[in-house]
N, C-alpha and C. Protein backbone atom coordinates (compact mmCIF):
# COMPACT_ATOMS: atom_id res chain seq x y z
N ILE A 1 -102.40 192.49 -12.82
CA ILE A 1 -103.28 192.19 -13.95
C ILE A 1 -104.52 191.45 -13.46
N ARG A 2 -104.31 190.48 -12.55
CA ARG A 2 -105.43 189.71 -12.01
C ARG A 2 -106.41 190.63 -11.29
N GLU A 3 -105.90 191.53 -10.46
CA GLU A 3 -106.78 192.43 -9.72
C GLU A 3 -107.58 193.32 -10.67
N GLN A 4 -106.95 193.80 -11.74
CA GLN A 4 -107.64 194.64 -12.71
C GLN A 4 -108.74 193.85 -13.43
N LYS A 5 -108.46 192.60 -13.76
CA LYS A 5 -109.47 191.77 -14.41
C LYS A 5 -110.65 191.50 -13.47
N ILE A 6 -110.37 191.25 -12.22
CA ILE A 6 -111.44 191.03 -11.25
C ILE A 6 -112.26 192.30 -11.09
N GLU A 7 -111.61 193.45 -11.00
CA GLU A 7 -112.32 194.72 -10.87
C GLU A 7 -113.21 194.98 -12.09
N ASN A 8 -112.70 194.73 -13.29
CA ASN A 8 -113.48 194.92 -14.51
C ASN A 8 -114.66 193.95 -14.56
N THR A 9 -114.42 192.71 -14.18
CA THR A 9 -115.49 191.71 -14.17
C THR A 9 -116.55 192.09 -13.15
N ASN A 10 -116.15 192.56 -11.98
CA ASN A 10 -117.12 193.01 -10.97
C ASN A 10 -117.98 194.14 -11.52
N ARG A 11 -117.36 195.08 -12.19
CA ARG A 11 -118.10 196.22 -12.75
C ARG A 11 -119.10 195.72 -13.80
N ASN A 12 -118.65 194.85 -14.73
CA ASN A 12 -119.53 194.33 -15.77
C ASN A 12 -120.66 193.47 -15.20
N LEU A 13 -120.34 192.68 -14.20
CA LEU A 13 -121.35 191.84 -13.54
C LEU A 13 -122.42 192.70 -12.89
N THR A 14 -122.01 193.76 -12.22
CA THR A 14 -122.96 194.66 -11.57
C THR A 14 -123.87 195.32 -12.59
N VAL A 15 -123.30 195.82 -13.68
CA VAL A 15 -124.09 196.48 -14.72
C VAL A 15 -125.11 195.51 -15.30
N ASP A 16 -124.67 194.28 -15.60
CA ASP A 16 -125.58 193.30 -16.17
C ASP A 16 -126.67 192.92 -15.16
N PHE A 17 -126.30 192.70 -13.91
CA PHE A 17 -127.28 192.33 -12.88
C PHE A 17 -128.34 193.40 -12.72
N ARG A 18 -127.93 194.66 -12.77
CA ARG A 18 -128.89 195.77 -12.61
C ARG A 18 -129.90 195.81 -13.75
N ASP A 19 -129.54 195.25 -14.92
CA ASP A 19 -130.50 195.17 -16.02
C ASP A 19 -131.67 194.25 -15.69
N PHE A 20 -131.45 193.33 -14.76
CA PHE A 20 -132.47 192.34 -14.43
C PHE A 20 -133.10 192.55 -13.06
N TRP A 21 -132.36 193.08 -12.11
CA TRP A 21 -132.85 193.25 -10.74
C TRP A 21 -133.43 194.65 -10.59
N SER A 22 -134.74 194.76 -10.44
CA SER A 22 -135.36 196.08 -10.30
C SER A 22 -135.89 196.32 -8.89
N GLN A 23 -135.61 195.38 -7.99
CA GLN A 23 -136.10 195.49 -6.61
C GLN A 23 -135.34 196.57 -5.85
N LYS A 24 -135.98 197.09 -4.85
CA LYS A 24 -135.36 198.12 -4.02
C LYS A 24 -134.82 197.51 -2.73
N ILE A 25 -133.65 197.95 -2.36
CA ILE A 25 -133.09 197.63 -1.05
C ILE A 25 -132.93 199.00 -0.40
N GLY A 26 -133.66 199.24 0.63
CA GLY A 26 -133.66 200.59 1.19
C GLY A 26 -134.42 201.50 0.23
N ARG A 27 -133.78 202.58 -0.16
CA ARG A 27 -134.45 203.55 -1.03
C ARG A 27 -134.05 203.44 -2.49
N SER A 28 -133.11 202.55 -2.80
CA SER A 28 -132.69 202.43 -4.21
C SER A 28 -132.47 200.98 -4.58
N SER A 29 -132.33 200.75 -5.87
CA SER A 29 -132.06 199.40 -6.35
C SER A 29 -130.60 199.28 -6.79
N GLN A 30 -129.78 200.20 -6.38
CA GLN A 30 -128.40 200.26 -6.83
C GLN A 30 -127.49 199.30 -6.05
N VAL A 31 -127.72 198.01 -6.19
CA VAL A 31 -126.83 197.03 -5.56
C VAL A 31 -125.64 196.79 -6.47
N GLU A 32 -124.57 196.34 -5.86
CA GLU A 32 -123.38 195.95 -6.61
C GLU A 32 -123.04 194.52 -6.24
N LEU A 33 -122.59 193.78 -7.22
CA LEU A 33 -122.10 192.44 -6.96
C LEU A 33 -120.58 192.50 -6.99
N GLU A 34 -119.97 191.80 -6.08
CA GLU A 34 -118.51 191.83 -6.02
C GLU A 34 -118.00 190.46 -5.59
N PHE A 35 -116.95 190.01 -6.25
CA PHE A 35 -116.30 188.79 -5.81
C PHE A 35 -114.81 189.07 -5.71
N GLY A 36 -114.14 188.24 -4.97
CA GLY A 36 -112.69 188.36 -4.83
C GLY A 36 -112.09 186.98 -4.66
N LEU A 37 -110.81 186.90 -4.84
CA LEU A 37 -110.08 185.65 -4.66
C LEU A 37 -109.46 185.62 -3.28
N LYS A 38 -109.62 184.51 -2.62
CA LYS A 38 -108.92 184.25 -1.36
C LYS A 38 -108.21 182.91 -1.54
N TYR A 39 -107.34 182.60 -0.61
CA TYR A 39 -106.57 181.36 -0.72
C TYR A 39 -106.71 180.56 0.56
N HIS A 40 -106.88 179.24 0.39
CA HIS A 40 -106.99 178.36 1.55
C HIS A 40 -105.69 178.39 2.34
N ASP A 41 -105.82 178.39 3.65
CA ASP A 41 -104.64 178.39 4.50
C ASP A 41 -104.19 176.96 4.79
N ALA A 42 -103.20 176.82 5.62
CA ALA A 42 -102.60 175.51 5.92
C ALA A 42 -103.53 174.57 6.67
N THR A 43 -104.62 175.10 7.24
CA THR A 43 -105.55 174.22 7.96
C THR A 43 -106.33 173.31 7.00
N HIS A 44 -106.34 173.64 5.74
CA HIS A 44 -106.97 172.81 4.71
C HIS A 44 -105.85 172.14 3.90
N LYS A 45 -105.33 171.05 4.39
CA LYS A 45 -104.12 170.45 3.83
C LYS A 45 -104.19 170.20 2.33
N GLU A 46 -105.26 169.57 1.85
CA GLU A 46 -105.35 169.27 0.42
C GLU A 46 -105.53 170.52 -0.43
N LYS A 47 -106.12 171.54 0.16
CA LYS A 47 -106.44 172.76 -0.57
C LYS A 47 -105.48 173.91 -0.28
N SER A 48 -104.56 173.71 0.60
CA SER A 48 -103.66 174.78 1.05
C SER A 48 -103.05 175.53 -0.14
N GLY A 49 -103.24 176.85 -0.13
CA GLY A 49 -102.69 177.70 -1.18
C GLY A 49 -103.54 177.81 -2.42
N LYS A 50 -104.59 177.00 -2.53
CA LYS A 50 -105.45 177.04 -3.72
C LYS A 50 -106.50 178.14 -3.55
N PRO A 51 -106.85 178.81 -4.67
CA PRO A 51 -107.79 179.93 -4.60
C PRO A 51 -109.25 179.47 -4.51
N TYR A 52 -110.07 180.33 -3.95
CA TYR A 52 -111.52 180.16 -3.96
C TYR A 52 -112.16 181.54 -4.05
N LEU A 53 -113.41 181.57 -4.51
CA LEU A 53 -114.11 182.84 -4.67
C LEU A 53 -114.89 183.20 -3.40
N VAL A 54 -114.88 184.47 -3.09
CA VAL A 54 -115.70 185.02 -2.03
C VAL A 54 -116.61 186.04 -2.71
N PHE A 55 -117.88 186.02 -2.34
CA PHE A 55 -118.88 186.81 -3.04
C PHE A 55 -119.62 187.71 -2.06
N TRP A 56 -119.91 188.96 -2.49
CA TRP A 56 -120.66 189.91 -1.67
C TRP A 56 -121.72 190.61 -2.51
N VAL A 57 -122.74 191.09 -1.81
CA VAL A 57 -123.73 191.99 -2.40
C VAL A 57 -123.59 193.29 -1.65
N LYS A 58 -123.26 194.35 -2.38
CA LYS A 58 -123.04 195.66 -1.77
C LYS A 58 -124.22 196.57 -2.04
N HIS A 59 -124.52 197.38 -1.04
CA HIS A 59 -125.52 198.42 -1.18
C HIS A 59 -124.99 199.62 -0.43
N GLY A 60 -124.60 200.64 -1.16
CA GLY A 60 -123.94 201.78 -0.52
C GLY A 60 -122.63 201.31 0.09
N ARG A 61 -122.43 201.63 1.36
CA ARG A 61 -121.21 201.19 2.06
C ARG A 61 -121.36 199.81 2.70
N GLU A 62 -122.57 199.28 2.67
CA GLU A 62 -122.85 197.99 3.29
C GLU A 62 -122.44 196.85 2.34
N LYS A 63 -121.57 195.98 2.83
CA LYS A 63 -121.05 194.87 2.03
C LYS A 63 -121.34 193.58 2.80
N LEU A 64 -122.30 192.79 2.30
CA LEU A 64 -122.72 191.59 3.01
C LEU A 64 -122.57 190.36 2.13
N TYR A 65 -122.37 189.22 2.78
CA TYR A 65 -122.38 187.95 2.06
C TYR A 65 -123.81 187.68 1.62
N PRO A 66 -123.99 186.95 0.52
CA PRO A 66 -125.36 186.66 0.08
C PRO A 66 -126.23 186.04 1.18
N LYS A 67 -125.65 185.17 2.02
CA LYS A 67 -126.45 184.53 3.07
C LYS A 67 -126.99 185.53 4.09
N GLN A 68 -126.46 186.76 4.10
CA GLN A 68 -126.93 187.79 5.01
C GLN A 68 -128.04 188.63 4.38
N ARG A 69 -128.38 188.36 3.15
CA ARG A 69 -129.44 189.06 2.45
C ARG A 69 -130.75 188.29 2.57
N SER A 70 -131.82 188.85 2.05
CA SER A 70 -133.13 188.21 2.14
C SER A 70 -133.15 186.91 1.34
N LYS A 71 -134.10 186.06 1.68
CA LYS A 71 -134.25 184.79 0.98
C LYS A 71 -134.51 185.04 -0.51
N GLY A 72 -135.32 186.04 -0.82
CA GLY A 72 -135.62 186.37 -2.21
C GLY A 72 -134.38 186.82 -2.97
N MET A 73 -133.57 187.69 -2.36
CA MET A 73 -132.33 188.15 -3.00
C MET A 73 -131.39 186.97 -3.24
N ARG A 74 -131.24 186.11 -2.24
CA ARG A 74 -130.35 184.94 -2.39
C ARG A 74 -130.84 184.04 -3.52
N TRP A 75 -132.16 183.79 -3.55
CA TRP A 75 -132.69 182.92 -4.58
C TRP A 75 -132.48 183.53 -5.96
N PHE A 76 -132.84 184.80 -6.12
CA PHE A 76 -132.70 185.46 -7.41
C PHE A 76 -131.25 185.51 -7.86
N LEU A 77 -130.36 185.84 -6.95
CA LEU A 77 -128.94 185.93 -7.28
C LEU A 77 -128.39 184.58 -7.74
N SER A 78 -128.72 183.51 -7.03
CA SER A 78 -128.21 182.20 -7.43
C SER A 78 -128.83 181.77 -8.75
N PHE A 79 -130.11 182.05 -8.96
CA PHE A 79 -130.79 181.77 -10.22
C PHE A 79 -130.12 182.52 -11.36
N TYR A 80 -129.91 183.81 -11.18
CA TYR A 80 -129.28 184.66 -12.19
C TYR A 80 -127.88 184.15 -12.53
N LEU A 81 -127.05 183.92 -11.51
CA LEU A 81 -125.67 183.49 -11.76
C LEU A 81 -125.61 182.12 -12.44
N GLN A 82 -126.45 181.19 -12.00
CA GLN A 82 -126.44 179.85 -12.58
C GLN A 82 -126.84 179.89 -14.06
N LEU A 83 -127.92 180.59 -14.37
CA LEU A 83 -128.38 180.63 -15.76
C LEU A 83 -127.44 181.41 -16.66
N LYS A 84 -126.95 182.54 -16.18
CA LYS A 84 -126.04 183.33 -17.00
C LYS A 84 -124.73 182.58 -17.24
N ALA A 85 -124.20 181.89 -16.23
CA ALA A 85 -122.97 181.12 -16.40
C ALA A 85 -123.18 179.97 -17.37
N ALA A 86 -124.30 179.27 -17.25
CA ALA A 86 -124.59 178.17 -18.17
C ALA A 86 -124.73 178.67 -19.60
N ALA A 87 -125.31 179.85 -19.77
CA ALA A 87 -125.49 180.42 -21.11
C ALA A 87 -124.16 180.86 -21.72
N LEU A 88 -123.18 181.18 -20.89
CA LEU A 88 -121.87 181.60 -21.39
C LEU A 88 -120.93 180.45 -21.69
N ASP A 89 -121.25 179.25 -21.20
CA ASP A 89 -120.36 178.10 -21.33
C ASP A 89 -120.22 177.70 -22.80
N GLU A 90 -119.08 178.02 -23.39
CA GLU A 90 -118.82 177.72 -24.81
C GLU A 90 -118.52 176.25 -25.05
N ASN A 91 -118.17 175.50 -24.00
CA ASN A 91 -117.73 174.12 -24.16
C ASN A 91 -118.86 173.10 -24.09
N ARG A 92 -120.05 173.53 -23.83
CA ARG A 92 -121.13 172.56 -23.70
C ARG A 92 -122.01 172.58 -24.94
N ASP A 93 -122.70 171.49 -25.12
CA ASP A 93 -123.63 171.33 -26.22
C ASP A 93 -124.76 172.36 -26.10
N ARG A 94 -125.18 172.91 -27.21
CA ARG A 94 -126.24 173.93 -27.21
C ARG A 94 -127.62 173.34 -26.95
N GLY A 95 -127.73 172.05 -26.74
CA GLY A 95 -129.02 171.44 -26.52
C GLY A 95 -129.41 171.35 -25.05
N LEU A 96 -128.92 172.25 -24.23
CA LEU A 96 -129.20 172.20 -22.79
C LEU A 96 -130.67 172.50 -22.52
N LEU A 97 -131.28 171.64 -21.72
CA LEU A 97 -132.65 171.82 -21.29
C LEU A 97 -132.64 171.86 -19.77
N MET A 98 -133.24 172.89 -19.19
CA MET A 98 -133.30 173.02 -17.75
C MET A 98 -134.76 172.93 -17.32
N LEU A 99 -135.05 172.06 -16.37
CA LEU A 99 -136.39 171.90 -15.84
C LEU A 99 -136.44 172.48 -14.43
N ILE A 100 -137.40 173.36 -14.18
CA ILE A 100 -137.49 174.02 -12.87
C ILE A 100 -138.92 173.88 -12.36
N ASP A 101 -139.05 173.38 -11.15
CA ASP A 101 -140.37 173.21 -10.54
C ASP A 101 -140.66 174.38 -9.61
N GLU A 102 -141.71 175.12 -9.92
CA GLU A 102 -142.17 176.25 -9.11
C GLU A 102 -141.04 177.23 -8.76
N PRO A 103 -140.42 177.85 -9.77
CA PRO A 103 -139.33 178.78 -9.47
C PRO A 103 -139.83 180.05 -8.78
N GLY A 104 -138.99 180.59 -7.97
CA GLY A 104 -139.27 181.89 -7.38
C GLY A 104 -140.35 181.93 -6.33
N ASN A 105 -140.58 180.82 -5.62
CA ASN A 105 -141.62 180.84 -4.58
C ASN A 105 -141.33 181.87 -3.50
N SER A 106 -140.05 182.19 -3.27
CA SER A 106 -139.71 183.16 -2.23
C SER A 106 -139.62 184.58 -2.79
N LEU A 107 -140.05 184.77 -4.02
CA LEU A 107 -140.01 186.09 -4.64
C LEU A 107 -141.39 186.73 -4.65
N HIS A 108 -141.43 188.05 -4.54
CA HIS A 108 -142.71 188.72 -4.69
C HIS A 108 -142.96 188.98 -6.17
N ALA A 109 -144.10 189.53 -6.51
CA ALA A 109 -144.55 189.65 -7.89
C ALA A 109 -143.53 190.35 -8.80
N ARG A 110 -143.01 191.47 -8.39
CA ARG A 110 -142.08 192.21 -9.25
C ARG A 110 -140.79 191.44 -9.49
N ALA A 111 -140.30 190.74 -8.48
CA ALA A 111 -139.09 189.95 -8.64
C ALA A 111 -139.33 188.77 -9.58
N LYS A 112 -140.53 188.22 -9.58
CA LYS A 112 -140.85 187.16 -10.53
C LYS A 112 -140.83 187.70 -11.96
N GLU A 113 -141.27 188.93 -12.13
CA GLU A 113 -141.20 189.56 -13.45
C GLU A 113 -139.74 189.77 -13.86
N ASP A 114 -138.89 190.10 -12.91
CA ASP A 114 -137.46 190.21 -13.18
C ASP A 114 -136.89 188.86 -13.60
N MET A 115 -137.36 187.81 -12.95
CA MET A 115 -136.92 186.46 -13.28
C MET A 115 -137.26 186.13 -14.73
N LEU A 116 -138.44 186.54 -15.18
CA LEU A 116 -138.83 186.31 -16.57
C LEU A 116 -137.87 187.00 -17.54
N LYS A 117 -137.35 188.16 -17.16
CA LYS A 117 -136.38 188.86 -18.01
C LYS A 117 -135.10 188.05 -18.17
N VAL A 118 -134.66 187.39 -17.10
CA VAL A 118 -133.47 186.54 -17.19
C VAL A 118 -133.74 185.37 -18.12
N LEU A 119 -134.89 184.73 -17.96
CA LEU A 119 -135.25 183.59 -18.82
C LEU A 119 -135.31 184.01 -20.29
N GLU A 120 -135.86 185.16 -20.54
CA GLU A 120 -135.95 185.66 -21.92
C GLU A 120 -134.56 185.95 -22.48
N ASP A 121 -133.68 186.46 -21.66
CA ASP A 121 -132.33 186.79 -22.10
C ASP A 121 -131.52 185.57 -22.53
N ILE A 122 -131.72 184.45 -21.87
CA ILE A 122 -130.90 183.26 -22.15
C ILE A 122 -131.61 182.26 -23.06
N ARG A 123 -132.81 182.56 -23.50
CA ARG A 123 -133.64 181.58 -24.21
C ARG A 123 -133.04 181.06 -25.51
N ASP A 124 -132.16 181.80 -26.15
CA ASP A 124 -131.52 181.31 -27.38
C ASP A 124 -130.40 180.32 -27.09
N ARG A 125 -129.94 180.26 -25.85
CA ARG A 125 -128.83 179.37 -25.50
C ARG A 125 -129.24 178.22 -24.60
N ILE A 126 -130.31 178.40 -23.83
CA ILE A 126 -130.79 177.35 -22.92
C ILE A 126 -132.31 177.31 -23.00
N GLN A 127 -132.84 176.11 -23.19
CA GLN A 127 -134.29 175.96 -23.15
C GLN A 127 -134.69 175.67 -21.71
N VAL A 128 -135.60 176.48 -21.18
CA VAL A 128 -136.05 176.32 -19.80
C VAL A 128 -137.54 175.98 -19.81
N VAL A 129 -137.88 174.93 -19.11
CA VAL A 129 -139.27 174.54 -18.92
C VAL A 129 -139.54 174.61 -17.42
N TYR A 130 -140.60 175.33 -17.03
CA TYR A 130 -140.90 175.42 -15.61
C TYR A 130 -142.39 175.25 -15.37
N THR A 131 -142.70 174.79 -14.17
CA THR A 131 -144.08 174.69 -13.73
C THR A 131 -144.37 175.85 -12.79
N THR A 132 -145.60 176.30 -12.79
CA THR A 132 -145.94 177.40 -11.89
C THR A 132 -147.44 177.45 -11.63
N HIS A 133 -147.79 177.99 -10.50
CA HIS A 133 -149.16 178.34 -10.18
C HIS A 133 -149.30 179.86 -10.12
N SER A 134 -148.20 180.55 -10.36
CA SER A 134 -148.16 182.01 -10.24
C SER A 134 -148.44 182.68 -11.58
N THR A 135 -149.45 183.54 -11.59
CA THR A 135 -149.73 184.29 -12.82
C THR A 135 -148.63 185.31 -13.13
N HIS A 136 -147.81 185.64 -12.14
CA HIS A 136 -146.72 186.58 -12.37
C HIS A 136 -145.59 185.96 -13.18
N LEU A 137 -145.62 184.66 -13.35
CA LEU A 137 -144.61 183.98 -14.16
C LEU A 137 -145.13 183.66 -15.56
N LEU A 138 -146.22 184.31 -15.94
CA LEU A 138 -146.76 184.16 -17.28
C LEU A 138 -146.67 185.51 -17.97
N ASP A 139 -145.94 185.53 -19.05
CA ASP A 139 -145.79 186.76 -19.82
C ASP A 139 -146.86 186.76 -20.92
N LEU A 140 -147.78 187.71 -20.86
CA LEU A 140 -148.88 187.75 -21.82
C LEU A 140 -148.40 187.91 -23.26
N ARG A 141 -147.20 188.47 -23.45
CA ARG A 141 -146.67 188.62 -24.81
C ARG A 141 -146.22 187.28 -25.39
N THR A 142 -145.98 186.30 -24.52
CA THR A 142 -145.51 185.00 -25.00
C THR A 142 -146.42 183.86 -24.51
N VAL A 143 -147.71 184.16 -24.39
CA VAL A 143 -148.64 183.16 -23.88
C VAL A 143 -148.72 181.94 -24.80
N TYR A 144 -148.35 182.09 -26.06
CA TYR A 144 -148.35 180.95 -26.99
C TYR A 144 -147.36 179.86 -26.56
N ARG A 145 -146.43 180.16 -25.65
CA ARG A 145 -145.48 179.16 -25.15
C ARG A 145 -146.03 178.36 -23.98
N VAL A 146 -147.17 178.76 -23.45
CA VAL A 146 -147.71 178.15 -22.24
C VAL A 146 -148.50 176.88 -22.57
N LEU A 147 -148.28 175.86 -21.76
CA LEU A 147 -149.06 174.63 -21.83
C LEU A 147 -149.71 174.43 -20.46
N ALA A 148 -150.96 174.04 -20.45
CA ALA A 148 -151.66 173.75 -19.19
C ALA A 148 -151.83 172.24 -19.10
N VAL A 149 -151.60 171.72 -17.91
CA VAL A 149 -151.75 170.29 -17.67
C VAL A 149 -152.86 170.12 -16.64
N GLN A 150 -153.84 169.29 -16.98
CA GLN A 150 -154.92 169.06 -16.04
C GLN A 150 -155.46 167.64 -16.19
N ARG A 151 -156.16 167.18 -15.18
CA ARG A 151 -156.76 165.84 -15.21
C ARG A 151 -157.97 165.83 -16.14
N VAL A 152 -158.17 164.71 -16.83
CA VAL A 152 -159.35 164.55 -17.67
C VAL A 152 -160.60 164.57 -16.80
N ASP A 153 -160.55 163.86 -15.66
CA ASP A 153 -161.65 163.85 -14.70
C ASP A 153 -161.12 164.46 -13.40
N GLU A 154 -161.46 165.69 -13.14
CA GLU A 154 -160.91 166.41 -11.99
C GLU A 154 -161.31 165.80 -10.65
N THR A 155 -162.33 164.96 -10.62
CA THR A 155 -162.76 164.32 -9.37
C THR A 155 -162.05 163.00 -9.11
N ASP A 156 -161.29 162.52 -10.09
CA ASP A 156 -160.60 161.22 -9.98
C ASP A 156 -159.09 161.42 -10.02
N ASP A 157 -158.40 161.20 -8.89
CA ASP A 157 -156.95 161.38 -8.83
C ASP A 157 -156.18 160.41 -9.71
N ASP A 158 -156.83 159.33 -10.14
CA ASP A 158 -156.17 158.34 -10.98
C ASP A 158 -156.44 158.55 -12.47
N SER A 159 -157.22 159.56 -12.80
CA SER A 159 -157.52 159.77 -14.22
C SER A 159 -156.29 160.28 -14.95
N GLU A 160 -156.28 160.08 -16.24
CA GLU A 160 -155.13 160.53 -17.04
C GLU A 160 -155.14 162.05 -17.13
N THR A 161 -154.00 162.59 -17.54
CA THR A 161 -153.89 164.04 -17.69
C THR A 161 -153.92 164.40 -19.16
N LYS A 162 -154.28 165.62 -19.42
CA LYS A 162 -154.26 166.14 -20.78
C LYS A 162 -153.46 167.44 -20.79
N VAL A 163 -152.86 167.71 -21.92
CA VAL A 163 -152.07 168.93 -22.09
C VAL A 163 -152.81 169.85 -23.05
N LEU A 164 -153.01 171.07 -22.61
CA LEU A 164 -153.73 172.05 -23.42
C LEU A 164 -152.78 173.16 -23.86
N THR A 165 -152.89 173.58 -25.09
CA THR A 165 -152.09 174.71 -25.57
C THR A 165 -152.81 176.00 -25.21
N ALA A 166 -152.16 177.11 -25.44
CA ALA A 166 -152.76 178.42 -25.16
C ALA A 166 -154.00 178.64 -25.99
N HIS A 167 -154.05 178.07 -27.20
CA HIS A 167 -155.23 178.24 -28.06
C HIS A 167 -156.45 177.48 -27.54
N GLU A 168 -156.18 176.38 -26.83
CA GLU A 168 -157.27 175.58 -26.29
C GLU A 168 -157.79 176.19 -25.00
């Protein structure tokens, strides 16, 4: 039963991930996410016999650990898993606010657009505020959500800052 549940979860995770990841690895974007259960051996006395997750990113017959993938893939995958898991957590207060400074610096333009799709998907369950210098992280359809922060006197590093809305 456990193996069947893991197999079903792997399939569902892959389908959902493909909705957000449009990047190509080789000639296609058909990556699969897969995890499995392993158990600590006797060399880990406190953990001996306890389960832990092992995670892979598959492409065709190639099955690699995330650390063997590109920096962009690793960043996007961890971002995706963290936000999706937090959005599914039924036991936490719905007032979760996540602050992210300059997300996706290791991503190219199209992957940043994929990142925006993840943020849009979870926006009813998690409020995310992020800073960016990248125009690829600004969705023109939702520009009313953007705030710009700048110094009142751009020549004075000690001057106060002002916040401008999209209308300003």
